[in-house]
Amino acid sequence: MNRAYQTLRMVLLLISIVLYLPWIVSTDAALKHLVEWIHKCCGWIFVNHEIPTLYYPFSLFILLISGLIGYQATRIFRNTRKYIQLLMQYEVEMVDTIIQRFTKKYRIKVLLVDQAEPIVFTFGFRKPQILISTGMLQTVAEEELIAILEHERWHCKQGDPWKGFITSTFANSLFFFPIIGKLRDLYFLEKEILADQFAIQKSSKKVLVSALIKLASSSSHQTARAITPFVDGSLQDYRIDAIVSSDGKMPRMNGREWLLSGSALLVLLIIVFFLFQSLVPQHFMWIQWLPEHIRTICGW
């Protein structure tokens, strides 16, 4: 509810700025000089050296999206760091021989924290590491622990914390394209399925499914997508289904998501189309590479 309220506030702010921009430009002397400077500086790329009015709200939209991307990246990074620092306060000495052998064999650092809840995830951008809780060691059997570590090793090899961070940043920023959020979820699910398949090669389907079922009731500790948690309640059923069945079920995109995303894309394409019509084609070599019928439609 809080996220929906923040999104609504941002949308209303954007609408207000776009509606009041022409009035501000026409009444504020400082902004008038700024607009005149922009016309002198950038007007040459447009027909008749006149920058179309549509250019200003579109530029503002691009600036807002850029700022939103920066905000989301900072938020996810800080939340992840705060969560890991909180867990690291309970770090204890590693005594489990299975994990010690794993660390020595693959040279992947594994941190152990004293927490009753079963937690295990991969984190870190430059050199990914694995964090596991004592609660996880008490919950799963030895062969299940090996399968879980192999699962996380695949994430380390693929650099998934960094990929997840980038994917979540852009998906959260482009919230007005709901389809992107769904594609992000499908991407994460595909990553988990591939990691499960890698773990099965080192263990077995039975062992991995047993571990997933044991942890099915555990809550997800994923506060940000800069980590790759083994326990993710939203994906557990799909992962188990993909292991036991060759044609496992996948989340589907509903009509509302397609409609909202398509509407937003259509509006954006119309704006870009009218802006492109105002360009002087001689100043852009790439325009000459477009098919002739597209150049005819755009008036080039």
Protein backbone atom coordinates (compact mmCIF):
# COMPACT_ATOMS: atom_id res chain seq x y z
CA MET A 1 0.00 0.00 0.00
CA ASN A 2 2.84 2.35 0.91
CA ARG A 3 4.60 1.66 -2.41
CA ALA A 4 1.38 2.29 -4.35
CA TYR A 5 0.93 5.60 -2.49
CA GLN A 6 4.49 6.69 -3.32
CA THR A 7 3.99 5.74 -6.97
CA LEU A 8 0.75 7.74 -7.12
CA ARG A 9 2.47 10.78 -5.60
CA MET A 10 5.27 10.57 -8.17
CA VAL A 11 2.81 10.29 -11.07
CA LEU A 12 0.82 13.29 -9.79
CA LEU A 13 4.04 15.27 -9.39
CA LEU A 14 5.06 14.46 -12.95
CA ILE A 15 1.66 15.49 -14.30
CA SER A 16 1.76 18.75 -12.33
CA ILE A 17 5.21 19.64 -13.62
CA VAL A 18 4.25 18.91 -17.22
CA LEU A 19 1.05 21.00 -16.95
CA TYR A 20 2.75 23.96 -15.27
CA LEU A 21 5.91 23.95 -17.38
CA PRO A 22 4.51 26.15 -20.21
CA TRP A 23 3.17 28.65 -17.65
CA ILE A 24 6.48 28.75 -15.76
CA VAL A 25 8.45 29.21 -18.98
CA SER A 26 6.19 32.04 -20.13
CA THR A 27 6.28 34.00 -16.84
CA ASP A 28 9.75 33.46 -15.42
CA ALA A 29 12.41 35.70 -16.95
CA ALA A 30 15.31 33.48 -15.92
CA LEU A 31 13.77 30.46 -17.57
CA LYS A 32 13.03 32.53 -20.68
CA HIS A 33 16.74 33.25 -21.06
CA LEU A 34 17.47 29.57 -20.49
CA VAL A 35 15.01 28.56 -23.20
CA GLU A 36 16.49 31.11 -25.60
CA TRP A 37 19.96 29.70 -24.92
CA ILE A 38 18.69 26.15 -25.55
CA HIS A 39 17.20 27.31 -28.87
CA LYS A 40 20.52 28.84 -29.94
CA CYS A 41 22.50 25.84 -28.77
CA CYS A 42 20.32 22.97 -29.97
CA GLY A 43 17.86 24.51 -32.43
CA TRP A 44 20.05 23.71 -35.44
CA ILE A 45 19.11 20.02 -35.34
CA PHE A 46 15.40 20.82 -35.80
CA VAL A 47 13.48 22.05 -38.82
CA ASN A 48 13.47 25.89 -39.12
CA HIS A 49 15.77 25.98 -36.07
CA GLU A 50 12.72 25.77 -33.80
CA ILE A 51 12.60 23.33 -30.91
CA PRO A 52 9.10 21.80 -30.70
CA THR A 53 7.16 22.37 -27.47
CA LEU A 54 6.88 18.62 -27.02
CA TYR A 55 10.64 18.51 -26.57
CA TYR A 56 10.49 20.09 -23.09
CA PRO A 57 8.12 17.68 -21.30
CA PHE A 58 9.87 14.78 -23.04
CA SER A 59 13.25 16.01 -21.80
CA LEU A 60 11.78 16.42 -18.33
CA PHE A 61 10.45 12.87 -18.53
CA ILE A 62 13.92 11.55 -19.44
CA LEU A 63 15.46 13.50 -16.54
CA LEU A 64 12.89 12.11 -14.12
CA ILE A 65 13.49 8.55 -15.28
CA SER A 66 17.25 9.04 -14.95
CA GLY A 67 16.78 10.37 -11.43
CA LEU A 68 14.46 7.48 -10.58
CA ILE A 69 17.02 4.95 -11.81
CA GLY A 70 19.66 6.57 -9.61
CA TYR A 71 17.29 6.58 -6.64
CA GLN A 72 16.33 2.92 -7.07
CA ALA A 73 19.96 1.84 -7.48
CA THR A 74 20.94 3.71 -4.30
CA ARG A 75 17.96 2.34 -2.37
CA ILE A 76 18.59 -1.28 -3.35
CA PHE A 77 22.31 -1.00 -2.64
CA ARG A 78 21.77 0.59 0.79
CA ASN A 79 19.06 -1.89 1.79
CA THR A 80 21.28 -4.79 0.81
CA ARG A 81 24.30 -3.45 2.66
CA LYS A 82 22.20 -2.69 5.76
CA TYR A 83 20.71 -6.20 5.74
CA ILE A 84 24.10 -7.90 5.39
CA GLN A 85 25.71 -5.71 8.06
CA LEU A 86 22.86 -6.61 10.41
CA LEU A 87 23.46 -10.32 9.88
CA MET A 88 27.24 -9.96 10.12
CA GLN A 89 26.85 -8.85 13.74
CA TYR A 90 26.05 -12.48 14.52
CA GLU A 91 28.93 -14.03 12.57
CA VAL A 92 30.45 -17.09 14.28
CA GLU A 93 33.43 -19.30 13.58
CA MET A 94 32.91 -21.90 10.87
CA VAL A 95 32.96 -25.42 12.36
CA ASP A 96 30.96 -27.39 9.80
CA THR A 97 33.32 -29.75 7.95
CA ILE A 98 31.14 -29.88 4.82
CA ILE A 99 31.30 -26.13 4.36
CA GLN A 100 35.02 -26.08 5.16
CA ARG A 101 35.67 -28.68 2.43
CA PHE A 102 33.46 -26.71 0.03
CA THR A 103 35.37 -23.49 0.72
CA LYS A 104 38.75 -25.16 0.31
CA LYS A 105 37.74 -26.93 -2.91
CA TYR A 106 36.12 -24.02 -4.75
CA ARG A 107 37.80 -21.07 -3.01
CA ILE A 108 34.46 -19.43 -2.33
CA LYS A 109 34.16 -17.64 1.00
CA VAL A 110 31.24 -18.88 3.13
CA LEU A 111 30.15 -16.85 6.16
CA LEU A 112 28.24 -18.43 9.06
CA VAL A 113 25.86 -16.35 11.19
CA ASP A 114 24.12 -17.40 14.39
CA GLN A 115 20.45 -17.12 13.38
CA ALA A 116 17.65 -19.56 14.15
CA GLU A 117 15.94 -18.90 10.83
CA PRO A 118 17.16 -20.86 7.80
CA ILE A 119 18.99 -18.29 5.67
CA VAL A 120 21.36 -18.79 2.76
CA PHE A 121 22.12 -16.45 -0.13
CA THR A 122 24.87 -15.22 -2.43
CA PHE A 123 25.97 -11.59 -2.26
CA GLY A 124 28.77 -9.36 -3.50
CA PHE A 125 29.51 -7.81 -6.89
CA ARG A 126 33.25 -8.14 -7.48
CA LYS A 127 33.83 -11.44 -5.67
CA PRO A 128 30.53 -13.11 -4.67
CA GLN A 129 30.33 -14.82 -1.30
CA ILE A 130 27.82 -17.11 0.40
CA LEU A 131 26.15 -16.39 3.74
CA ILE A 132 24.44 -19.19 5.65
CA SER A 133 22.81 -19.35 9.07
CA THR A 134 23.10 -21.94 11.85
CA GLY A 135 19.34 -22.40 11.50
CA MET A 136 19.88 -23.64 7.95
CA LEU A 137 22.47 -26.18 9.12
CA GLN A 138 20.02 -27.48 11.72
CA THR A 139 17.13 -27.69 9.24
CA VAL A 140 18.64 -29.64 6.33
CA ALA A 141 20.55 -32.92 6.13
CA GLU A 142 24.17 -33.13 4.97
CA GLU A 143 23.36 -34.17 1.39
CA GLU A 144 20.77 -31.38 1.18
CA LEU A 145 23.33 -28.86 2.44
CA ILE A 146 25.71 -29.95 -0.34
CA ALA A 147 22.97 -29.41 -2.95
CA ILE A 148 22.20 -25.95 -1.53
CA LEU A 149 25.88 -24.94 -1.59
CA GLU A 150 26.20 -26.12 -5.20
CA HIS A 151 23.11 -24.09 -6.07
CA GLU A 152 24.69 -20.98 -4.59
CA ARG A 153 28.03 -21.76 -6.25
CA TRP A 154 26.31 -21.47 -9.62
CA HIS A 155 25.08 -18.00 -8.64
CA CYS A 156 28.66 -17.08 -7.66
CA LYS A 157 30.03 -18.31 -10.99
CA GLN A 158 27.42 -16.37 -12.95
CA GLY A 159 27.77 -13.14 -10.96
CA ASP A 160 24.02 -13.13 -10.32
CA PRO A 161 23.98 -10.60 -7.43
CA TRP A 162 25.23 -7.92 -9.84
CA LYS A 163 22.85 -8.98 -12.61
CA GLY A 164 19.93 -9.03 -10.19
CA PHE A 165 20.85 -5.58 -8.93
CA ILE A 166 20.83 -4.08 -12.45
CA THR A 167 17.62 -5.89 -13.44
CA SER A 168 15.74 -4.81 -10.32
CA THR A 169 16.93 -1.22 -10.63
CA PHE A 170 15.53 -0.79 -14.13
CA ALA A 171 12.36 -2.82 -13.47
CA ASN A 172 11.53 -0.75 -10.38
CA SER A 173 12.28 2.50 -12.21
CA LEU A 174 10.07 1.67 -15.20
CA PHE A 175 7.07 0.89 -13.00
CA PHE A 176 4.68 2.30 -15.62
CA PHE A 177 5.55 -0.75 -17.77
CA PRO A 178 4.12 -3.57 -15.57
CA ILE A 179 5.25 -6.10 -18.15
CA ILE A 180 8.88 -5.30 -17.32
CA GLY A 181 8.29 -6.25 -13.68
CA LYS A 182 6.81 -9.56 -14.79
CA LEU A 183 9.74 -10.18 -17.13
CA ARG A 184 12.08 -9.48 -14.21
CA ASP A 185 10.30 -12.14 -12.14
CA LEU A 186 10.54 -14.63 -15.02
CA TYR A 187 14.25 -13.84 -15.37
CA PHE A 188 14.86 -14.52 -11.67
CA LEU A 189 12.87 -17.75 -11.86
CA GLU A 190 14.89 -18.89 -14.88
CA LYS A 191 18.09 -18.15 -12.94
CA GLU A 192 16.91 -20.25 -9.99
CA ILE A 193 15.91 -23.13 -12.26
CA LEU A 194 19.33 -23.11 -13.94
CA ALA A 195 21.02 -23.07 -10.53
CA ASP A 196 18.82 -26.00 -9.46
CA GLN A 197 19.82 -27.94 -12.57
CA PHE A 198 23.48 -27.32 -11.78
CA ALA A 199 22.97 -28.52 -8.19
CA ILE A 200 21.19 -31.67 -9.41
CA GLN A 201 24.29 -32.60 -11.46
CA LYS A 202 26.29 -32.58 -8.22
CA SER A 203 23.55 -34.18 -6.12
CA SER A 204 20.12 -35.51 -7.15
CA LYS A 205 16.58 -34.34 -7.82
CA LYS A 206 15.26 -36.10 -4.74
CA VAL A 207 17.73 -34.37 -2.43
CA LEU A 208 17.13 -30.89 -3.84
CA VAL A 209 13.33 -31.25 -3.80
CA SER A 210 13.55 -32.45 -0.21
CA ALA A 211 15.48 -29.32 0.74
CA LEU A 212 12.99 -27.05 -1.06
CA ILE A 213 10.02 -28.71 0.65
CA LYS A 214 11.64 -28.38 4.08
CA LEU A 215 12.19 -24.68 3.48
CA ALA A 216 8.82 -24.04 1.78
CA SER A 217 7.33 -22.62 4.99
CA SER A 218 10.26 -20.27 5.55
CA SER A 219 9.74 -16.61 4.72
CA SER A 220 11.86 -14.95 2.07
CA HIS A 221 14.62 -12.74 3.47
CA GLN A 222 15.09 -10.97 0.22
CA THR A 223 15.04 -7.28 1.05
CA ALA A 224 16.68 -6.39 -2.28
CA ARG A 225 17.69 -8.11 -5.46
CA ALA A 226 21.39 -7.53 -4.88
CA ILE A 227 21.35 -10.96 -3.22
CA THR A 228 20.20 -14.34 -4.54
CA PRO A 229 18.36 -16.14 -1.72
CA PHE A 230 17.85 -19.89 -1.88
CA VAL A 231 14.60 -19.41 0.05
CA ASP A 232 12.14 -17.37 -2.00
CA GLY A 233 8.55 -18.26 -1.26
CA SER A 234 7.23 -16.70 -4.46
CA LEU A 235 9.31 -19.09 -6.60
CA GLN A 236 9.42 -22.31 -4.55
CA ASP A 237 6.43 -24.03 -6.18
CA TYR A 238 7.58 -23.20 -9.71
CA ARG A 239 11.08 -24.49 -8.96
CA ILE A 240 9.82 -27.78 -7.52
CA ASP A 241 7.49 -28.22 -10.49
CA ALA A 242 10.39 -27.56 -12.92
CA ILE A 243 12.52 -30.22 -11.17
CA VAL A 244 9.92 -33.00 -11.09
CA SER A 245 8.38 -32.20 -14.51
CA SER A 246 10.05 -31.48 -17.84
CA ASP A 247 7.27 -29.03 -18.79
CA GLY A 248 6.95 -27.18 -15.50
CA LYS A 249 4.49 -24.33 -15.06
CA MET A 250 5.64 -20.74 -15.47
CA PRO A 251 3.97 -17.54 -14.24
CA ARG A 252 1.68 -15.99 -16.84
CA MET A 253 1.20 -12.35 -17.74
CA ASN A 254 -2.38 -11.18 -17.37
CA GLY A 255 -4.30 -8.95 -19.76
CA ARG A 256 -4.19 -5.93 -17.46
CA GLU A 257 -0.38 -5.92 -17.47
CA TRP A 258 -0.29 -6.17 -21.25
CA LEU A 259 -2.89 -3.38 -21.61
CA LEU A 260 -1.13 -0.93 -19.28
CA SER A 261 2.29 -1.63 -20.76
CA GLY A 262 1.01 -1.38 -24.32
CA SER A 263 -0.75 1.93 -23.60
CA ALA A 264 2.38 3.43 -22.02
CA LEU A 265 4.51 2.22 -24.94
CA LEU A 266 2.06 3.65 -27.50
CA VAL A 267 2.10 7.10 -25.86
CA LEU A 268 5.90 7.05 -25.73
CA LEU A 269 6.18 6.02 -29.39
CA ILE A 270 3.79 8.78 -30.49
CA ILE A 271 5.88 11.39 -28.65
CA VAL A 272 9.11 10.06 -30.14
CA PHE A 273 7.54 9.97 -33.60
CA PHE A 274 6.56 13.67 -33.50
CA LEU A 275 9.99 14.61 -32.15
CA PHE A 276 11.69 12.69 -34.94
CA GLN A 277 9.54 14.48 -37.49
CA SER A 278 11.07 17.76 -36.32
CA LEU A 279 14.66 16.65 -36.87
CA VAL A 280 16.77 17.77 -39.80
CA PRO A 281 17.75 14.44 -41.46
CA GLN A 282 20.99 15.84 -42.94
CA HIS A 283 22.43 16.17 -39.42
CA PHE A 284 21.93 12.51 -38.57
CA MET A 285 23.64 9.89 -40.73
CA TRP A 286 21.70 7.03 -39.13
CA ILE A 287 18.44 8.42 -40.57
CA GLN A 288 19.71 7.62 -44.07
CA TRP A 289 20.05 3.96 -43.03
CA LEU A 290 16.33 3.62 -42.23
CA PRO A 291 13.99 1.96 -44.78
CA GLU A 292 12.50 4.37 -47.31
CA HIS A 293 8.89 3.87 -46.19
CA ILE A 294 9.80 4.84 -42.60
CA ARG A 295 11.57 7.98 -43.82
CA THR A 296 8.50 8.83 -45.93
CA ILE A 297 6.16 8.48 -42.93
CA CYS A 298 8.40 10.72 -40.81
CA GLY A 299 8.68 13.29 -43.59
CA TRP A 300 12.42 12.74 -44.11
